[in-house]
Amino acid sequence: MSNTANITNSPANITNSTANITNRKCSYCRQPGHTISSCSLAYREGKIFHIQLFGLLVLLEQEVQDELQVHIQIQLFLENLSKKELTSLFKYHRNLNLFIHNLYTHHQITLSQTSFSTKRDQIIILTYYYLLLIETYYELRGKKINIQTIIIPSNKEITFQCPICIEEVEDFRRVTTNCNHDICDTCTDKYLENLKQKEPCCCLCRSTISTLSFTNVECCNTIRNRIQNRNQ
């Protein structure tokens, strides 16, 4: 014979559970109603420390080429933070679980360090992480775009549909890649402005872009300036 009084999902138990969550205090800011995983203060303060550290490493680009010196600067910065402040950095970088797992898989940290329960473990993991971040930044920044720009005749009576913005545009705004795909000048400019990967590639066939042909001198000069500014 079942006893309905023992049902764990009774209204009284649900009410008590909700009250416990509401009254629970965040381990970071000590305010009720949320946990550290959703603490906006931890995220904001972590963002501040990230900007400070990453800004420092970017400045070192002009002065220090030795990876060991960069490693030392990262550790010095992190060691000056409290354990709570280091925790805020972990909360800002919410995608660290896979990175920590990879460190353990490659025997760069121990199993106990994967929980980053001590300040020393936090510093070790964050040092590895910022070394990777700054290495990627240096690599992308140092990679220059080598694209030749040329002028070709235009047929003013025709239009074409840009495969990116799906707009019907006039032929004088057409930009043709070396793989013979046409896109409009606006989408070309936006793509190069926001380019993150090492090599520019065609949006349709993923071929590396080495040549862009323009039917308009003004459009050509705009893109050419974009490439030159990025390469500086």
Protein backbone atom coordinates (compact mmCIF):
# COMPACT_ATOMS: atom_id res chain seq x y z
CA MET A 1 0.00 0.00 0.00
CA SER A 2 1.57 3.26 -1.11
CA ASN A 3 1.82 6.24 1.19
CA THR A 4 1.27 9.54 -0.62
CA ALA A 5 2.85 11.37 2.31
CA ASN A 6 6.23 9.88 1.32
CA ILE A 7 6.19 11.25 -2.22
CA THR A 8 9.31 13.41 -2.50
CA ASN A 9 7.77 15.72 -5.10
CA SER A 10 4.95 16.84 -2.85
CA PRO A 11 4.09 20.57 -2.91
CA ALA A 12 5.66 21.04 0.52
CA ASN A 13 8.97 19.51 -0.58
CA ILE A 14 9.00 21.54 -3.79
CA THR A 15 8.38 24.71 -1.80
CA ASN A 16 11.20 23.87 0.63
CA SER A 17 13.58 23.09 -2.25
CA THR A 18 12.78 26.40 -3.93
CA ALA A 19 13.31 28.23 -0.65
CA ASN A 20 16.70 26.54 -0.19
CA ILE A 21 17.84 27.67 -3.63
CA THR A 22 16.58 31.21 -3.02
CA ASN A 23 18.30 31.46 0.35
CA ARG A 24 21.57 29.87 -0.82
CA LYS A 25 24.40 32.38 -0.94
CA CYS A 26 26.88 32.65 -3.79
CA SER A 27 30.35 31.50 -2.72
CA TYR A 28 31.87 34.45 -4.60
CA CYS A 29 29.79 37.53 -3.76
CA ARG A 30 27.98 36.07 -0.73
CA GLN A 31 24.64 37.31 -2.07
CA PRO A 32 21.55 35.02 -1.97
CA GLY A 33 19.51 33.81 -4.91
CA HIS A 34 22.25 32.42 -7.15
CA THR A 35 25.46 30.37 -7.21
CA ILE A 36 28.93 31.26 -8.41
CA SER A 37 28.24 29.63 -11.80
CA SER A 38 25.74 32.40 -12.56
CA CYS A 39 27.36 35.20 -10.57
CA SER A 40 27.53 38.35 -12.68
CA LEU A 41 30.05 39.96 -10.32
CA ALA A 42 32.49 37.05 -10.73
CA TYR A 43 32.15 37.33 -14.51
CA ARG A 44 32.67 41.11 -14.56
CA GLU A 45 35.70 41.02 -12.29
CA GLY A 46 37.17 38.10 -14.24
CA LYS A 47 36.77 40.12 -17.43
CA ILE A 48 38.68 43.03 -15.86
CA PHE A 49 41.60 40.78 -14.89
CA HIS A 50 41.57 39.17 -18.34
CA ILE A 51 41.78 42.57 -20.07
CA GLN A 52 44.63 43.62 -17.80
CA LEU A 53 46.64 40.43 -18.33
CA PHE A 54 46.01 40.09 -22.05
CA GLY A 55 46.76 43.78 -22.57
CA LEU A 56 50.08 43.31 -20.77
CA LEU A 57 50.96 40.36 -23.00
CA VAL A 58 50.09 42.28 -26.16
CA LEU A 59 52.43 45.10 -25.11
CA LEU A 60 55.19 42.55 -24.60
CA GLU A 61 54.92 41.61 -28.26
CA GLN A 62 57.11 44.56 -29.23
CA GLU A 63 59.68 44.01 -26.48
CA VAL A 64 59.91 40.29 -25.71
CA GLN A 65 60.32 37.46 -28.19
CA ASP A 66 61.33 34.86 -25.61
CA GLU A 67 58.49 32.51 -24.63
CA LEU A 68 60.10 31.95 -21.23
CA GLN A 69 59.82 35.67 -20.44
CA VAL A 70 56.17 35.67 -21.47
CA HIS A 71 55.63 32.64 -19.24
CA ILE A 72 57.23 34.46 -16.31
CA GLN A 73 55.12 37.59 -16.85
CA ILE A 74 51.92 35.53 -16.85
CA GLN A 75 52.86 33.79 -13.62
CA LEU A 76 53.87 37.06 -11.92
CA PHE A 77 50.53 38.63 -12.79
CA LEU A 78 48.55 35.60 -11.60
CA GLU A 79 50.53 35.26 -8.38
CA ASN A 80 49.56 38.82 -7.44
CA LEU A 81 45.89 37.86 -7.56
CA SER A 82 44.05 36.31 -4.65
CA LYS A 83 42.48 32.87 -4.92
CA LYS A 84 39.08 34.53 -5.19
CA GLU A 85 40.29 36.76 -8.01
CA LEU A 86 41.76 33.76 -9.82
CA THR A 87 38.40 32.04 -9.47
CA SER A 88 36.76 34.97 -11.23
CA LEU A 89 39.09 34.39 -14.20
CA PHE A 90 37.91 30.79 -14.38
CA LYS A 91 34.31 31.99 -14.36
CA TYR A 92 35.04 34.48 -17.14
CA HIS A 93 36.58 31.72 -19.30
CA ARG A 94 33.60 29.40 -19.20
CA ASN A 95 35.02 26.98 -21.75
CA LEU A 96 37.99 25.74 -19.71
CA ASN A 97 36.72 22.22 -18.93
CA LEU A 98 37.81 20.76 -22.27
CA PHE A 99 41.11 22.64 -22.09
CA ILE A 100 41.80 21.25 -18.59
CA HIS A 101 40.90 17.75 -19.78
CA ASN A 102 43.40 18.09 -22.64
CA LEU A 103 46.11 19.21 -20.22
CA TYR A 104 45.50 16.10 -18.15
CA THR A 105 45.37 13.85 -21.23
CA HIS A 106 48.76 15.17 -22.36
CA HIS A 107 50.20 14.70 -18.85
CA GLN A 108 50.76 18.41 -18.29
CA ILE A 109 48.78 18.39 -15.05
CA THR A 110 47.82 15.68 -12.56
CA LEU A 111 44.35 14.34 -11.91
CA SER A 112 44.11 16.22 -8.61
CA GLN A 113 45.00 19.49 -10.37
CA THR A 114 42.02 19.18 -12.73
CA SER A 115 39.77 20.36 -9.90
CA PHE A 116 41.98 23.51 -9.49
CA SER A 117 41.12 23.58 -5.80
CA THR A 118 44.34 25.32 -4.73
CA LYS A 119 45.72 28.67 -5.79
CA ARG A 120 48.84 26.96 -7.14
CA ASP A 121 46.76 24.68 -9.37
CA GLN A 122 44.75 27.65 -10.62
CA ILE A 123 47.94 29.50 -11.57
CA ILE A 124 49.34 26.47 -13.41
CA ILE A 125 46.19 25.96 -15.49
CA LEU A 126 45.69 29.65 -16.26
CA THR A 127 49.36 30.00 -17.25
CA TYR A 128 48.98 27.21 -19.81
CA TYR A 129 45.76 28.80 -21.05
CA TYR A 130 47.19 32.30 -21.52
CA LEU A 131 50.29 30.94 -23.21
CA LEU A 132 47.97 29.33 -25.76
CA LEU A 133 45.87 32.49 -26.13
CA ILE A 134 48.82 34.79 -26.72
CA GLU A 135 50.53 32.32 -29.06
CA THR A 136 47.37 32.19 -31.17
CA TYR A 137 47.11 35.98 -31.09
CA TYR A 138 50.72 36.44 -32.22
CA GLU A 139 50.26 33.90 -34.99
CA LEU A 140 47.09 35.49 -36.36
CA ARG A 141 48.44 39.03 -36.05
CA GLY A 142 51.68 38.12 -37.76
CA LYS A 143 49.98 36.40 -40.68
CA LYS A 144 49.78 38.77 -43.62
CA ILE A 145 47.19 38.54 -46.36
CA ASN A 146 48.74 38.10 -49.78
CA ILE A 147 45.99 38.97 -52.24
CA GLN A 148 46.56 40.47 -55.67
CA THR A 149 43.92 42.99 -56.79
CA ILE A 150 43.24 43.64 -60.47
CA ILE A 151 40.70 45.58 -62.58
CA ILE A 152 38.56 43.84 -65.22
CA PRO A 153 35.94 45.25 -67.64
CA SER A 154 32.38 45.66 -66.39
CA ASN A 155 29.11 44.93 -68.12
CA LYS A 156 26.92 47.75 -66.81
CA GLU A 157 23.72 46.22 -68.17
CA ILE A 158 23.72 43.07 -66.05
CA THR A 159 23.29 42.28 -62.36
CA PHE A 160 24.18 39.27 -60.23
CA GLN A 161 23.08 37.81 -56.90
CA CYS A 162 25.67 37.89 -54.13
CA PRO A 163 25.77 34.42 -52.47
CA ILE A 164 26.47 35.98 -49.04
CA CYS A 165 23.90 38.77 -48.65
CA ILE A 166 21.56 37.27 -51.32
CA GLU A 167 21.03 40.72 -52.81
CA GLU A 168 20.78 41.50 -56.50
CA VAL A 169 23.61 43.97 -57.17
CA GLU A 170 24.91 45.77 -60.22
CA ASP A 171 27.89 44.40 -62.08
CA PHE A 172 30.20 47.31 -61.14
CA ARG A 173 30.06 46.03 -57.53
CA ARG A 174 31.10 42.51 -58.49
CA VAL A 175 34.28 41.02 -57.00
CA THR A 176 35.56 37.80 -58.53
CA THR A 177 37.89 35.41 -56.74
CA ASN A 178 40.65 33.38 -58.35
CA CYS A 179 38.30 30.36 -58.12
CA ASN A 180 35.79 32.24 -60.32
CA HIS A 181 33.14 32.94 -57.68
CA ASP A 182 31.42 36.33 -57.56
CA ILE A 183 30.53 38.25 -54.40
CA CYS A 184 29.61 41.89 -53.86
CA ASP A 185 32.13 44.52 -52.77
CA THR A 186 30.38 45.17 -49.42
CA CYS A 187 30.52 41.51 -48.34
CA THR A 188 34.14 41.29 -49.49
CA ASP A 189 35.08 44.28 -47.36
CA LYS A 190 33.24 42.96 -44.29
CA TYR A 191 34.82 39.53 -44.68
CA LEU A 192 38.36 40.91 -44.78
CA GLU A 193 37.63 43.28 -41.89
CA ASN A 194 36.52 40.39 -39.64
CA LEU A 195 38.95 37.78 -40.93
CA LYS A 196 40.21 35.59 -38.07
CA GLN A 197 41.68 32.52 -39.68
CA LYS A 198 45.18 32.27 -41.11
CA GLU A 199 44.24 32.32 -44.80
CA PRO A 200 41.34 34.06 -46.55
CA CYS A 201 39.19 31.50 -48.32
CA CYS A 202 36.24 31.48 -50.68
CA CYS A 203 32.84 31.28 -48.98
CA LEU A 204 31.60 28.81 -51.60
CA CYS A 205 34.41 26.35 -52.29
CA ARG A 206 36.83 27.15 -49.40
CA SER A 207 39.73 27.66 -51.81
CA THR A 208 42.45 30.03 -50.66
CA ILE A 209 41.88 33.51 -52.08
CA SER A 210 44.99 34.76 -53.87
CA THR A 211 43.43 37.15 -56.41
CA LEU A 212 40.43 39.47 -56.37
CA SER A 213 39.20 40.99 -59.62
CA PHE A 214 37.19 44.21 -59.55
CA THR A 215 35.03 45.97 -62.10
CA ASN A 216 35.26 49.27 -60.24
CA VAL A 217 38.44 51.20 -59.40
CA GLU A 218 37.00 52.76 -56.24
CA CYS A 219 35.95 49.37 -54.86
CA CYS A 220 39.36 47.97 -55.70
CA ASN A 221 41.13 50.77 -53.83
CA THR A 222 38.89 50.31 -50.78
CA ILE A 223 39.69 46.60 -50.52
CA ARG A 224 43.36 47.21 -51.27
CA ASN A 225 43.53 49.70 -48.40
CA ARG A 226 41.75 47.19 -46.15
CA ILE A 227 44.39 44.56 -46.90
CA GLN A 228 47.28 47.01 -46.41
CA ASN A 229 45.90 48.23 -43.06
CA ARG A 230 45.47 44.66 -41.80
CA ASN A 231 49.02 43.76 -42.79
CA GLN A 232 50.58 46.67 -40.90
